[in-house]
Amino acid sequence: MDFTEEQIQRYSRHILLQDVGVEGQEKIIHGKVLIIGAGGLGAPVAFYLAAAGVGTIGIIDGDVVDLSNLQRQIIHFTADVDKPKVLSAKDKINQLNPDVKVITYQELLTAENALDIISQYDFIVDGTDNFPVKFLINDACVMAGKPFSHGGILRFEGQTMTYVPGSACYRCLFHSPPPANAVPTCSQAGVLGAIAGMLGTIQATEVLKYLTGVGDLLTNRLLTFNAKTMDFRTINVKPNETCPVCGNHPTITGLIDYEQATCDIKSHKELVHSS
């Protein structure tokens, strides 16, 4: 493609990178990424992908901006309170980079719509805040052969891994959702706001690495960190032959809407996974 002078200047720091260059930036511009959840994780992911020039960004979230979101969901401002999160996020992305096409879905991801929506994108980012949707995202991506980044934060901790077809999926590590209310959500236990930014930027980096083919993805590895001590740890994992969705003999062949705890239905903030 022919870059305009403005695009050359905007993406110059990428173009200067030996591992990215003009060809890598072209791949980014042609990329299509779906962000599920416009909260604590989705916010920094959306900002960095838009700044990088990802050509098409889809955002799905059925919630509206709440004042309590602003402590960490940096794409939303005070004036956006009570505004649908997807519209608030689209507005900021358009201001940051008019090159980006933003597609909004003001709804929840469900077993009924997941495959239709996910099939339109190259890479999926899980920025959700509850286990039922995380398992739904995993299963849909495995069935559709789509790579995705899992992310989770709680209190001072975060974790993330990347799935591509053939690597270990989320269910290879965590077989099924825990019982409702067995694990607290951020709205119950709290979360340090900057933790969302720490993990969200890692997820955004994984997306850009995937689109450009640069570096090694977090496949077959679970990255965890504790911000209190700034300890980062990588746990090696393997595809599970008995995994019910990606194993040798899958027993899950259709998508399932698992029951959510009432508090999770009420608000979609960032995630929530503590292992």
C-alpha atoms as a PDB file:
ATOM      1  CA  MET A   1       0.000   0.000   0.000  1.00  0.00           C
ATOM      2  CA  ASP A   2       1.055   3.601  -0.468  1.00  0.00           C
ATOM      3  CA  PHE A   3       1.423   5.427   2.827  1.00  0.00           C
ATOM      4  CA  THR A   4       0.484   9.078   2.978  1.00  0.00           C
ATOM      5  CA  GLU A   5       3.018  11.533   4.371  1.00  0.00           C
ATOM      6  CA  GLU A   6       0.876  11.797   7.499  1.00  0.00           C
ATOM      7  CA  GLN A   7       0.872   8.022   7.965  1.00  0.00           C
ATOM      8  CA  ILE A   8       4.626   7.811   7.477  1.00  0.00           C
ATOM      9  CA  GLN A   9       5.065  10.388  10.211  1.00  0.00           C
ATOM     10  CA  ARG A  10       2.428   8.839  12.498  1.00  0.00           C
ATOM     11  CA  TYR A  11       3.883   5.318  12.295  1.00  0.00           C
ATOM     12  CA  SER A  12       7.535   6.341  11.873  1.00  0.00           C
ATOM     13  CA  ARG A  13       8.695   4.688  15.107  1.00  0.00           C
ATOM     14  CA  HIS A  14       7.254   1.376  13.932  1.00  0.00           C
ATOM     15  CA  ILE A  15       8.685   1.772  10.446  1.00  0.00           C
ATOM     16  CA  LEU A  16      12.128   2.435  11.934  1.00  0.00           C
ATOM     17  CA  LEU A  17      12.032  -0.884  13.779  1.00  0.00           C
ATOM     18  CA  GLN A  18      14.046  -3.460  11.854  1.00  0.00           C
ATOM     19  CA  ASP A  19      11.616  -6.236  12.810  1.00  0.00           C
ATOM     20  CA  VAL A  20       8.525  -4.243  11.770  1.00  0.00           C
ATOM     21  CA  GLY A  21       9.325  -1.765   9.007  1.00  0.00           C
ATOM     22  CA  VAL A  22       6.934  -0.839   6.211  1.00  0.00           C
ATOM     23  CA  GLU A  23       5.763  -4.413   5.665  1.00  0.00           C
ATOM     24  CA  GLY A  24       4.962  -4.900   9.330  1.00  0.00           C
ATOM     25  CA  GLN A  25       3.030  -1.654   9.483  1.00  0.00           C
ATOM     26  CA  GLU A  26       1.043  -2.717   6.438  1.00  0.00           C
ATOM     27  CA  LYS A  27       0.104  -5.932   8.252  1.00  0.00           C
ATOM     28  CA  ILE A  28      -1.029  -3.907  11.258  1.00  0.00           C
ATOM     29  CA  ILE A  29      -3.137  -1.602   9.106  1.00  0.00           C
ATOM     30  CA  HIS A  30      -4.803  -4.572   7.418  1.00  0.00           C
ATOM     31  CA  GLY A  31      -5.427  -6.291  10.767  1.00  0.00           C
ATOM     32  CA  LYS A  32      -8.900  -6.858  12.228  1.00  0.00           C
ATOM     33  CA  VAL A  33      -9.084  -7.249  16.003  1.00  0.00           C
ATOM     34  CA  LEU A  34     -12.101  -7.828  18.231  1.00  0.00           C
ATOM     35  CA  ILE A  35     -11.956  -6.583  21.828  1.00  0.00           C
ATOM     36  CA  ILE A  36     -14.516  -8.247  24.097  1.00  0.00           C
ATOM     37  CA  GLY A  37     -15.164  -5.907  27.010  1.00  0.00           C
ATOM     38  CA  ALA A  38     -14.505  -2.152  26.976  1.00  0.00           C
ATOM     39  CA  GLY A  39     -13.425  -2.045  30.613  1.00  0.00           C
ATOM     40  CA  GLY A  40     -10.162  -2.101  32.530  1.00  0.00           C
ATOM     41  CA  LEU A  41      -8.342  -4.391  30.088  1.00  0.00           C
ATOM     42  CA  GLY A  42     -10.161  -3.444  26.916  1.00  0.00           C
ATOM     43  CA  ALA A  43      -9.460   0.251  27.440  1.00  0.00           C
ATOM     44  CA  PRO A  44      -5.633   0.164  27.201  1.00  0.00           C
ATOM     45  CA  VAL A  45      -5.791  -2.547  24.542  1.00  0.00           C
ATOM     46  CA  ALA A  46      -8.046  -0.365  22.394  1.00  0.00           C
ATOM     47  CA  PHE A  47      -5.887   2.725  22.872  1.00  0.00           C
ATOM     48  CA  TYR A  48      -2.624   1.022  21.965  1.00  0.00           C
ATOM     49  CA  LEU A  49      -4.034  -0.891  19.005  1.00  0.00           C
ATOM     50  CA  ALA A  50      -5.628   2.290  17.664  1.00  0.00           C
ATOM     51  CA  ALA A  51      -2.391   4.213  18.152  1.00  0.00           C
ATOM     52  CA  ALA A  52      -0.510   1.436  16.337  1.00  0.00           C
ATOM     53  CA  GLY A  53      -2.869   1.751  13.372  1.00  0.00           C
ATOM     54  CA  VAL A  54      -4.795  -1.525  13.496  1.00  0.00           C
ATOM     55  CA  GLY A  55      -7.168  -1.035  10.574  1.00  0.00           C
ATOM     56  CA  THR A  56     -10.363  -2.472  12.047  1.00  0.00           C
ATOM     57  CA  ILE A  57     -11.179  -2.705  15.738  1.00  0.00           C
ATOM     58  CA  GLY A  58     -14.412  -4.303  16.892  1.00  0.00           C
ATOM     59  CA  ILE A  59     -15.621  -3.636  20.442  1.00  0.00           C
ATOM     60  CA  ILE A  60     -18.404  -5.573  22.125  1.00  0.00           C
ATOM     61  CA  ASP A  61     -19.835  -4.573  25.507  1.00  0.00           C
ATOM     62  CA  GLY A  62     -23.418  -4.201  26.677  1.00  0.00           C
ATOM     63  CA  ASP A  63     -22.664  -1.975  29.672  1.00  0.00           C
ATOM     64  CA  VAL A  64     -22.674   1.784  30.257  1.00  0.00           C
ATOM     65  CA  VAL A  65     -19.952   3.858  31.883  1.00  0.00           C
ATOM     66  CA  ASP A  66     -20.180   4.065  35.666  1.00  0.00           C
ATOM     67  CA  LEU A  67     -18.318   6.541  37.853  1.00  0.00           C
ATOM     68  CA  SER A  68     -16.539   3.652  39.583  1.00  0.00           C
ATOM     69  CA  ASN A  69     -15.099   2.572  36.212  1.00  0.00           C
ATOM     70  CA  LEU A  70     -12.987   5.690  35.791  1.00  0.00           C
ATOM     71  CA  GLN A  71     -10.355   4.590  38.329  1.00  0.00           C
ATOM     72  CA  ARG A  72      -8.975   2.145  35.744  1.00  0.00           C
ATOM     73  CA  GLN A  73     -10.978   2.184  32.483  1.00  0.00           C
ATOM     74  CA  ILE A  74      -8.906   4.962  30.955  1.00  0.00           C
ATOM     75  CA  ILE A  75     -10.745   5.204  27.640  1.00  0.00           C
ATOM     76  CA  HIS A  76     -13.795   6.629  29.446  1.00  0.00           C
ATOM     77  CA  PHE A  77     -13.965  10.140  30.876  1.00  0.00           C
ATOM     78  CA  THR A  78     -16.172  11.773  33.514  1.00  0.00           C
ATOM     79  CA  ALA A  79     -18.457  13.219  30.849  1.00  0.00           C
ATOM     80  CA  ASP A  80     -19.082   9.673  29.568  1.00  0.00           C
ATOM     81  CA  VAL A  81     -20.847   8.452  32.718  1.00  0.00           C
ATOM     82  CA  ASP A  82     -24.100   6.672  31.721  1.00  0.00           C
ATOM     83  CA  LYS A  83     -22.965   6.516  28.081  1.00  0.00           C
ATOM     84  CA  PRO A  84     -22.669   3.084  26.401  1.00  0.00           C
ATOM     85  CA  LYS A  85     -19.087   1.959  26.761  1.00  0.00           C
ATOM     86  CA  VAL A  86     -18.731   0.970  23.114  1.00  0.00           C
ATOM     87  CA  LEU A  87     -19.746   4.467  21.968  1.00  0.00           C
ATOM     88  CA  SER A  88     -17.451   6.132  24.494  1.00  0.00           C
ATOM     89  CA  ALA A  89     -14.555   3.956  23.352  1.00  0.00           C
ATOM     90  CA  LYS A  90     -15.275   4.566  19.669  1.00  0.00           C
ATOM     91  CA  ASP A  91     -15.272   8.321  20.231  1.00  0.00           C
ATOM     92  CA  LYS A  92     -11.807   8.262  21.841  1.00  0.00           C
ATOM     93  CA  ILE A  93     -10.374   5.965  19.178  1.00  0.00           C
ATOM     94  CA  ASN A  94     -11.669   8.244  16.428  1.00  0.00           C
ATOM     95  CA  GLN A  95     -10.022  11.214  18.124  1.00  0.00           C
ATOM     96  CA  LEU A  96      -6.740   9.349  18.537  1.00  0.00           C
ATOM     97  CA  ASN A  97      -6.480   7.867  15.050  1.00  0.00           C
ATOM     98  CA  PRO A  98      -8.979   8.572  12.254  1.00  0.00           C
ATOM     99  CA  ASP A  99      -7.335   5.802  10.168  1.00  0.00           C
ATOM    100  CA  VAL A 100      -9.031   3.166  12.332  1.00  0.00           C
ATOM    101  CA  LYS A 101     -12.438   1.727  11.485  1.00  0.00           C
ATOM    102  CA  VAL A 102     -14.355   1.003  14.695  1.00  0.00           C
ATOM    103  CA  ILE A 103     -17.238  -1.471  14.707  1.00  0.00           C
ATOM    104  CA  THR A 104     -19.362  -1.455  17.842  1.00  0.00           C
ATOM    105  CA  TYR A 105     -21.609  -4.149  19.302  1.00  0.00           C
ATOM    106  CA  GLN A 106     -23.711  -2.766  22.133  1.00  0.00           C
ATOM    107  CA  GLU A 107     -24.623  -6.183  23.446  1.00  0.00           C
ATOM    108  CA  LEU A 108     -23.263  -9.088  25.451  1.00  0.00           C
ATOM    109  CA  LEU A 109     -21.339 -11.919  23.848  1.00  0.00           C
ATOM    110  CA  THR A 110     -23.505 -15.034  23.964  1.00  0.00           C
ATOM    111  CA  ALA A 111     -23.512 -18.579  22.667  1.00  0.00           C
ATOM    112  CA  GLU A 112     -25.925 -17.398  19.991  1.00  0.00           C
ATOM    113  CA  ASN A 113     -23.872 -14.538  18.534  1.00  0.00           C
ATOM    114  CA  ALA A 114     -20.261 -15.457  19.406  1.00  0.00           C
ATOM    115  CA  LEU A 115     -19.268 -17.409  16.305  1.00  0.00           C
ATOM    116  CA  ASP A 116     -20.864 -14.945  13.890  1.00  0.00           C
ATOM    117  CA  ILE A 117     -19.021 -12.004  15.444  1.00  0.00           C
ATOM    118  CA  ILE A 118     -15.685 -13.704  16.071  1.00  0.00           C
ATOM    119  CA  SER A 119     -15.488 -15.091  12.534  1.00  0.00           C
ATOM    120  CA  GLN A 120     -15.047 -11.572  11.139  1.00  0.00           C
ATOM    121  CA  TYR A 121     -11.740 -10.904  12.928  1.00  0.00           C
ATOM    122  CA  ASP A 122      -8.100 -12.031  12.789  1.00  0.00           C
ATOM    123  CA  PHE A 123      -7.460 -11.922  16.534  1.00  0.00           C
ATOM    124  CA  ILE A 124      -9.659 -11.796  19.631  1.00  0.00           C
ATOM    125  CA  VAL A 125      -8.881 -10.076  22.936  1.00  0.00           C
ATOM    126  CA  ASP A 126     -10.607 -11.260  26.099  1.00  0.00           C
ATOM    127  CA  GLY A 127     -11.065  -8.208  28.315  1.00  0.00           C
ATOM    128  CA  THR A 128     -14.061  -9.552  30.220  1.00  0.00           C
ATOM    129  CA  ASP A 129     -14.650  -9.758  33.940  1.00  0.00           C
ATOM    130  CA  ASN A 130     -16.283 -13.107  34.604  1.00  0.00           C
ATOM    131  CA  PHE A 131     -15.604 -16.791  34.115  1.00  0.00           C
ATOM    132  CA  PRO A 132     -18.690 -17.782  32.073  1.00  0.00           C
ATOM    133  CA  VAL A 133     -17.789 -15.396  29.248  1.00  0.00           C
ATOM    134  CA  LYS A 134     -14.124 -16.362  29.397  1.00  0.00           C
ATOM    135  CA  PHE A 135     -14.990 -19.996  28.786  1.00  0.00           C
ATOM    136  CA  LEU A 136     -17.390 -18.948  26.035  1.00  0.00           C
ATOM    137  CA  ILE A 137     -14.634 -16.922  24.329  1.00  0.00           C
ATOM    138  CA  ASN A 138     -12.204 -19.803  24.606  1.00  0.00           C
ATOM    139  CA  ASP A 139     -14.623 -22.362  23.199  1.00  0.00           C
ATOM    140  CA  ALA A 140     -15.748 -20.097  20.360  1.00  0.00           C
ATOM    141  CA  CYS A 141     -12.172 -19.275  19.356  1.00  0.00           C
ATOM    142  CA  VAL A 142     -11.111 -22.932  19.458  1.00  0.00           C
ATOM    143  CA  MET A 143     -14.110 -23.958  17.343  1.00  0.00           C
ATOM    144  CA  ALA A 144     -13.568 -21.110  14.877  1.00  0.00           C
ATOM    145  CA  GLY A 145      -9.792 -21.567  14.731  1.00  0.00           C
ATOM    146  CA  LYS A 146      -9.193 -17.998  15.928  1.00  0.00           C
ATOM    147  CA  PRO A 147      -6.233 -16.871  18.053  1.00  0.00           C
ATOM    148  CA  PHE A 148      -7.011 -14.951  21.217  1.00  0.00           C
ATOM    149  CA  SER A 149      -5.422 -13.353  24.266  1.00  0.00           C
ATOM    150  CA  HIS A 150      -6.793 -14.244  27.686  1.00  0.00           C
ATOM    151  CA  GLY A 151      -6.331 -11.694  30.445  1.00  0.00           C
ATOM    152  CA  GLY A 152      -7.376 -11.494  34.069  1.00  0.00           C
ATOM    153  CA  ILE A 153      -6.797  -9.109  36.982  1.00  0.00           C
ATOM    154  CA  LEU A 154      -7.791  -9.028  40.638  1.00  0.00           C
ATOM    155  CA  ARG A 155      -6.517  -6.937  43.544  1.00  0.00           C
ATOM    156  CA  PHE A 156      -2.769  -6.584  42.774  1.00  0.00           C
ATOM    157  CA  GLU A 157      -2.386  -9.571  40.446  1.00  0.00           C
ATOM    158  CA  GLY A 158      -2.719 -10.325  36.767  1.00  0.00           C
ATOM    159  CA  GLN A 159      -2.390 -13.233  34.382  1.00  0.00           C
ATOM    160  CA  THR A 160      -2.427 -13.729  30.637  1.00  0.00           C
ATOM    161  CA  MET A 161      -1.838 -16.329  27.947  1.00  0.00           C
ATOM    162  CA  THR A 162      -2.240 -16.467  24.182  1.00  0.00           C
ATOM    163  CA  TYR A 163      -3.991 -19.192  22.237  1.00  0.00           C
ATOM    164  CA  VAL A 164      -3.401 -20.106  18.610  1.00  0.00           C
ATOM    165  CA  PRO A 165      -4.789 -23.252  16.974  1.00  0.00           C
ATOM    166  CA  GLY A 166      -2.763 -26.208  18.197  1.00  0.00           C
ATOM    167  CA  SER A 167      -1.544 -24.622  21.433  1.00  0.00           C
ATOM    168  CA  ALA A 168      -2.956 -25.079  24.922  1.00  0.00           C
ATOM    169  CA  CYS A 169      -6.321 -23.379  25.341  1.00  0.00           C
ATOM    170  CA  TYR A 170      -7.872 -21.873  28.466  1.00  0.00           C
ATOM    171  CA  ARG A 171      -9.738 -25.108  29.227  1.00  0.00           C
ATOM    172  CA  CYS A 172      -6.475 -27.055  29.081  1.00  0.00           C
ATOM    173  CA  LEU A 173      -5.553 -25.219  32.286  1.00  0.00           C
ATOM    174  CA  PHE A 174      -8.960 -24.577  33.835  1.00  0.00           C
ATOM    175  CA  HIS A 175     -11.435 -27.322  33.015  1.00  0.00           C
ATOM    176  CA  SER A 176     -14.716 -25.517  33.757  1.00  0.00           C
ATOM    177  CA  PRO A 177     -16.067 -22.340  35.376  1.00  0.00           C
ATOM    178  CA  PRO A 178     -16.018 -22.291  39.180  1.00  0.00           C
ATOM    179  CA  PRO A 179     -19.346 -22.210  41.043  1.00  0.00           C
ATOM    180  CA  ALA A 180     -21.047 -18.809  41.096  1.00  0.00           C
ATOM    181  CA  ASN A 181     -19.512 -16.520  43.749  1.00  0.00           C
ATOM    182  CA  ALA A 182     -16.673 -18.980  44.476  1.00  0.00           C
ATOM    183  CA  VAL A 183     -14.146 -16.389  43.278  1.00  0.00           C
ATOM    184  CA  PRO A 184     -14.699 -12.670  43.978  1.00  0.00           C
ATOM    185  CA  THR A 185     -14.931 -10.154  41.173  1.00  0.00           C
ATOM    186  CA  CYS A 186     -13.122  -6.833  41.070  1.00  0.00           C
ATOM    187  CA  SER A 187     -16.361  -5.151  42.139  1.00  0.00           C
ATOM    188  CA  GLN A 188     -16.302  -7.325  45.256  1.00  0.00           C
ATOM    189  CA  ALA A 189     -12.598  -7.558  46.102  1.00  0.00           C
ATOM    190  CA  GLY A 190     -11.195  -4.449  44.405  1.00  0.00           C
ATOM    191  CA  VAL A 191      -8.331  -3.934  41.987  1.00  0.00           C
ATOM    192  CA  LEU A 192      -5.460  -1.465  41.780  1.00  0.00           C
ATOM    193  CA  GLY A 193      -6.296   0.651  38.745  1.00  0.00           C
ATOM    194  CA  ALA A 194      -2.846   0.599  37.164  1.00  0.00           C
ATOM    195  CA  ILE A 195      -2.888  -3.225  37.135  1.00  0.00           C
ATOM    196  CA  ALA A 196      -5.392  -3.054  34.278  1.00  0.00           C
ATOM    197  CA  GLY A 197      -2.952  -0.952  32.294  1.00  0.00           C
ATOM    198  CA  MET A 198      -0.059  -3.302  32.996  1.00  0.00           C
ATOM    199  CA  LEU A 199      -1.907  -6.338  31.727  1.00  0.00           C
ATOM    200  CA  GLY A 200      -3.775  -4.574  28.931  1.00  0.00           C
ATOM    201  CA  THR A 201      -0.539  -3.342  27.364  1.00  0.00           C
ATOM    202  CA  ILE A 202       0.845  -6.883  27.456  1.00  0.00           C
ATOM    203  CA  GLN A 203      -2.260  -8.117  25.637  1.00  0.00           C
ATOM    204  CA  ALA A 204      -1.963  -5.326  23.068  1.00  0.00           C
ATOM    205  CA  THR A 205       1.669  -6.292  22.517  1.00  0.00           C
ATOM    206  CA  GLU A 206       0.644  -9.896  21.862  1.00  0.00           C
ATOM    207  CA  VAL A 207      -1.835  -8.688  19.235  1.00  0.00           C
ATOM    208  CA  LEU A 208       0.807  -6.624  17.431  1.00  0.00           C
ATOM    209  CA  LYS A 209       3.318  -9.484  17.605  1.00  0.00           C
ATOM    210  CA  TYR A 210       0.744 -11.801  16.069  1.00  0.00           C
ATOM    211  CA  LEU A 211      -0.168  -9.398  13.258  1.00  0.00           C
ATOM    212  CA  THR A 212       3.460  -8.692  12.358  1.00  0.00           C
ATOM    213  CA  GLY A 213       4.849 -12.159  13.030  1.00  0.00           C
ATOM    214  CA  VAL A 214       7.501 -10.713  15.325  1.00  0.00           C
ATOM    215  CA  GLY A 215       8.784 -12.510  18.413  1.00  0.00           C
ATOM    216  CA  ASP A 216       7.384 -15.403  20.434  1.00  0.00           C
ATOM    217  CA  LEU A 217       3.779 -15.331  21.596  1.00  0.00           C
ATOM    218  CA  LEU A 218       2.658 -16.386  25.062  1.00  0.00           C
ATOM    219  CA  THR A 219       1.452 -19.698  23.711  1.00  0.00           C
ATOM    220  CA  ASN A 220       1.771 -22.728  25.982  1.00  0.00           C
ATOM    221  CA  ARG A 221       2.766 -20.290  28.716  1.00  0.00           C
ATOM    222  CA  LEU A 222       0.803 -18.559  31.453  1.00  0.00           C
ATOM    223  CA  LEU A 223       2.327 -15.238  32.521  1.00  0.00           C
ATOM    224  CA  THR A 224       1.421 -14.089  36.028  1.00  0.00           C
ATOM    225  CA  PHE A 225       2.534 -11.096  38.057  1.00  0.00           C
ATOM    226  CA  ASN A 226       2.105  -9.612  41.506  1.00  0.00           C
ATOM    227  CA  ALA A 227       2.433  -5.837  41.491  1.00  0.00           C
ATOM    228  CA  LYS A 228       3.111  -5.659  45.236  1.00  0.00           C
ATOM    229  CA  THR A 229       6.459  -7.332  44.733  1.00  0.00           C
ATOM    230  CA  MET A 230       6.790  -6.816  40.966  1.00  0.00           C
ATOM    231  CA  ASP A 231       7.416 -10.513  40.590  1.00  0.00           C
ATOM    232  CA  PHE A 232       6.689 -11.876  37.108  1.00  0.00           C
ATOM    233  CA  ARG A 233       6.465 -15.604  36.582  1.00  0.00           C
ATOM    234  CA  THR A 234       5.986 -17.735  33.473  1.00  0.00           C
ATOM    235  CA  ILE A 235       4.423 -21.166  33.839  1.00  0.00           C
ATOM    236  CA  ASN A 236       4.908 -23.588  30.951  1.00  0.00           C
ATOM    237  CA  VAL A 237       1.794 -25.529  29.988  1.00  0.00           C
ATOM    238  CA  LYS A 238       0.984 -28.179  27.394  1.00  0.00           C
ATOM    239  CA  PRO A 239      -2.084 -28.905  25.301  1.00  0.00           C
ATOM    240  CA  ASN A 240      -4.262 -31.308  27.255  1.00  0.00           C
ATOM    241  CA  GLU A 241      -5.152 -34.409  25.253  1.00  0.00           C
ATOM    242  CA  THR A 242      -8.276 -34.824  27.376  1.00  0.00           C
ATOM    243  CA  CYS A 243      -9.367 -31.179  27.061  1.00  0.00           C
ATOM    244  CA  PRO A 244     -13.134 -31.217  26.461  1.00  0.00           C
ATOM    245  CA  VAL A 245     -12.922 -28.650  23.662  1.00  0.00           C
ATOM    246  CA  CYS A 246      -9.519 -28.995  21.962  1.00  0.00           C
ATOM    247  CA  GLY A 247      -8.442 -32.492  23.014  1.00  0.00           C
ATOM    248  CA  ASN A 248      -8.300 -35.682  20.990  1.00  0.00           C
ATOM    249  CA  HIS A 249     -11.930 -36.511  21.690  1.00  0.00           C
ATOM    250  CA  PRO A 250     -13.843 -33.256  22.336  1.00  0.00           C
ATOM    251  CA  THR A 251     -16.998 -33.569  24.371  1.00  0.00           C
ATOM    252  CA  ILE A 252     -17.947 -29.902  23.994  1.00  0.00           C
ATOM    253  CA  THR A 253     -19.058 -29.423  20.417  1.00  0.00           C
ATOM    254  CA  GLY A 254     -21.395 -26.464  20.859  1.00  0.00           C
ATOM    255  CA  LEU A 255     -21.263 -23.169  22.732  1.00  0.00           C
ATOM    256  CA  ILE A 256     -22.742 -22.873  26.196  1.00  0.00           C
ATOM    257  CA  ASP A 257     -23.999 -19.859  28.163  1.00  0.00           C
ATOM    258  CA  TYR A 258     -22.962 -20.756  31.678  1.00  0.00           C
ATOM    259  CA  GLU A 259     -24.839 -19.296  34.626  1.00  0.00           C
ATOM    260  CA  GLN A 260     -23.399 -16.042  35.905  1.00  0.00           C
ATOM    261  CA  ALA A 261     -23.493 -14.707  39.420  1.00  0.00           C
ATOM    262  CA  THR A 262     -25.933 -11.804  39.813  1.00  0.00           C
ATOM    263  CA  CYS A 263     -23.154  -9.331  40.543  1.00  0.00           C
ATOM    264  CA  ASP A 264     -21.408 -10.312  37.301  1.00  0.00           C
ATOM    265  CA  ILE A 265     -24.540  -9.807  35.206  1.00  0.00           C
ATOM    266  CA  LYS A 266     -25.023  -6.373  36.682  1.00  0.00           C
ATOM    267  CA  SER A 267     -21.659  -4.967  35.671  1.00  0.00           C
ATOM    268  CA  HIS A 268     -19.035  -5.772  33.058  1.00  0.00           C
ATOM    269  CA  LYS A 269     -15.839  -4.261  34.324  1.00  0.00           C
ATOM    270  CA  GLU A 270     -12.407  -5.853  33.784  1.00  0.00           C
ATOM    271  CA  LEU A 271     -11.812  -9.424  34.671  1.00  0.00           C
ATOM    272  CA  VAL A 272     -11.515 -11.630  36.998  1.00  0.00           C
ATOM    273  CA  HIS A 273      -9.583 -14.532  37.272  1.00  0.00           C
ATOM    274  CA  SER A 274      -7.579 -15.616  40.240  1.00  0.00           C
ATOM    275  CA  SER A 275      -5.949 -18.996  40.238  1.00  0.00           C
END
